Protein backbone atom coordinates (compact mmCIF):
# COMPACT_ATOMS: atom_id res chain seq x y z
CA MET A 1 90.04 123.32 108.46
CA LYS A 2 89.64 124.98 105.08
CA ILE A 3 88.97 128.69 104.86
CA LYS A 4 86.76 129.74 101.99
CA PRO A 5 87.44 133.02 100.21
CA LYS A 6 84.99 135.74 101.20
CA ASN A 7 84.24 137.12 97.77
CA LYS A 8 83.48 133.88 95.97
CA LYS A 9 80.97 134.24 93.14
CA LYS A 10 78.02 131.87 93.39
CA THR A 11 76.26 130.54 90.31
CA SER A 12 73.74 128.02 91.44
CA PRO A 13 70.39 126.65 90.33
CA GLN A 14 69.29 126.76 93.99
CA LEU A 15 69.32 130.55 94.03
CA VAL A 16 65.85 132.04 93.64
CA ALA A 17 64.48 135.52 93.18
CA GLN A 18 63.90 137.51 96.33
CA LYS A 19 60.51 139.08 96.93
CA SER A 20 61.96 142.49 96.05
CA GLU A 21 63.22 141.17 92.68
CA GLU A 22 60.03 139.41 91.55
CA ALA A 23 58.17 142.51 90.32
CA MET A 24 61.18 143.64 88.28
CA ILE A 25 61.52 140.16 86.76
CA GLN A 26 57.85 140.09 85.76
CA GLY A 27 58.13 143.55 84.21
CA ILE A 28 61.17 142.51 82.19
CA LEU A 29 59.42 139.36 80.96
CA GLU A 30 56.28 141.29 79.99
CA GLY A 31 58.38 143.56 77.78
CA SER A 32 60.35 140.65 76.29
CA PRO A 33 58.06 138.28 74.35
CA ASP A 34 61.03 136.09 73.31
CA GLY A 35 62.33 135.80 76.89
CA ILE A 36 62.34 132.39 78.53
CA GLY A 37 64.08 133.62 81.66
CA VAL A 38 65.73 136.57 83.35
CA ALA A 39 69.41 136.60 84.25
CA VAL A 40 69.79 138.07 87.75
CA VAL A 41 73.21 139.30 88.87
CA ARG A 42 73.62 140.47 92.45
CA LEU A 43 76.60 142.70 93.12
CA GLU A 44 78.55 143.08 96.38
CA CYS A 45 77.35 146.66 96.74
CA GLY A 46 73.67 145.63 96.81
CA CYS A 47 72.86 146.71 93.25
CA ARG A 48 71.36 144.22 90.81
CA LYS A 49 71.62 143.75 87.06
CA MET A 50 68.89 141.93 85.14
CA ALA A 51 68.09 141.11 81.53
CA ALA A 52 65.80 138.68 79.74
CA VAL A 53 67.38 135.84 77.78
CA ASP A 54 65.92 133.97 74.80
CA LYS A 55 65.97 130.26 73.98
CA ASN A 56 69.49 130.57 72.53
CA GLY A 57 70.93 132.42 75.53
CA ASP A 58 71.02 135.73 73.68
CA PRO A 59 69.72 138.96 75.25
CA ALA A 60 65.97 139.46 74.84
CA SER A 61 65.92 142.85 76.61
CA LYS A 62 68.18 145.67 77.66
CA VAL A 63 70.25 145.24 80.82
CA ILE A 64 68.60 146.96 83.77
CA ILE A 65 70.65 147.95 86.80
CA TYR A 66 68.95 149.07 89.98
CA ARG A 67 69.18 149.13 93.76
CA ASP A 68 66.30 148.34 96.12
CA SER A 69 64.89 151.29 98.09
CA ALA A 70 67.18 153.76 96.34
CA LEU A 71 66.64 156.38 93.68
CA ASN A 72 69.95 155.61 91.97
CA VAL A 73 72.52 152.86 91.76
CA CYS A 74 75.65 153.23 93.87
CA ASP A 75 78.64 155.36 92.85
CA LYS A 76 80.78 152.29 92.03
CA CYS A 77 78.13 151.02 89.59
CA LYS A 78 77.88 154.45 88.02
CA GLU A 79 81.64 154.32 87.39
CA ASP A 80 82.05 150.73 86.18
CA ASN A 81 78.47 149.73 85.22
CA GLY A 82 78.46 146.86 87.73
CA ALA A 83 81.80 145.25 86.91
CA PHE A 84 82.02 141.47 86.70
CA ALA A 85 84.68 141.41 89.43
CA ARG A 86 82.08 142.61 91.96
CA VAL A 87 79.48 139.90 91.22
CA LYS A 88 78.36 138.14 94.39
CA GLU A 89 75.67 135.79 93.02
CA SER A 90 74.07 135.10 89.67
CA PHE A 91 71.31 132.85 88.38
CA ILE A 92 68.52 132.67 85.82
CA HIS A 93 64.88 132.91 86.86
CA TRP A 94 63.09 130.63 84.34
CA THR A 95 59.56 131.02 83.00
CA ASP A 96 57.06 128.15 82.94
CA PRO A 97 57.49 125.78 81.24
CA GLU A 98 61.20 125.65 81.96
CA PRO A 99 63.58 124.39 79.26
CA ASP A 100 65.18 120.96 79.65
CA GLU A 101 68.31 120.65 81.81
CA ASP A 102 70.73 120.46 78.89
CA THR A 103 69.31 123.65 77.37
CA LYS A 104 69.46 125.37 80.78
CA ARG A 105 73.15 124.47 81.19
CA LYS A 106 73.98 125.84 77.73
CA ILE A 107 72.09 129.09 78.33
CA ILE A 108 73.62 129.55 81.80
CA ALA A 109 77.14 128.98 80.42
CA LYS A 110 76.59 131.44 77.57
CA THR A 111 74.86 134.08 79.70
CA LEU A 112 76.57 133.90 83.09
CA GLY A 113 79.76 132.02 82.26
CA THR A 114 81.10 128.78 83.68
């Protein structure tokens, strides 16, 4: 029997925005006319980082960090600005029409890493 590591980062096209994230995603896209998607990064602490990406995988908005049902982000995020080592899951929420699969792979690799 194989034991999987607990803190494995997931980057998967099957991940979708949670109900609590949808309003934030729409707000980011409204303020980012060049955005074709929003990169969503969920941290172990429960905080989230989001930013719009353009057709080249470059940032189309500022990075927003927040925590559901909280006035502020957690103390760890205040210290390290949501360090990469604490990423639990990440994905891109695409706008309609979505780019082709090859373009998606390139943008995901550039934005979220491989």
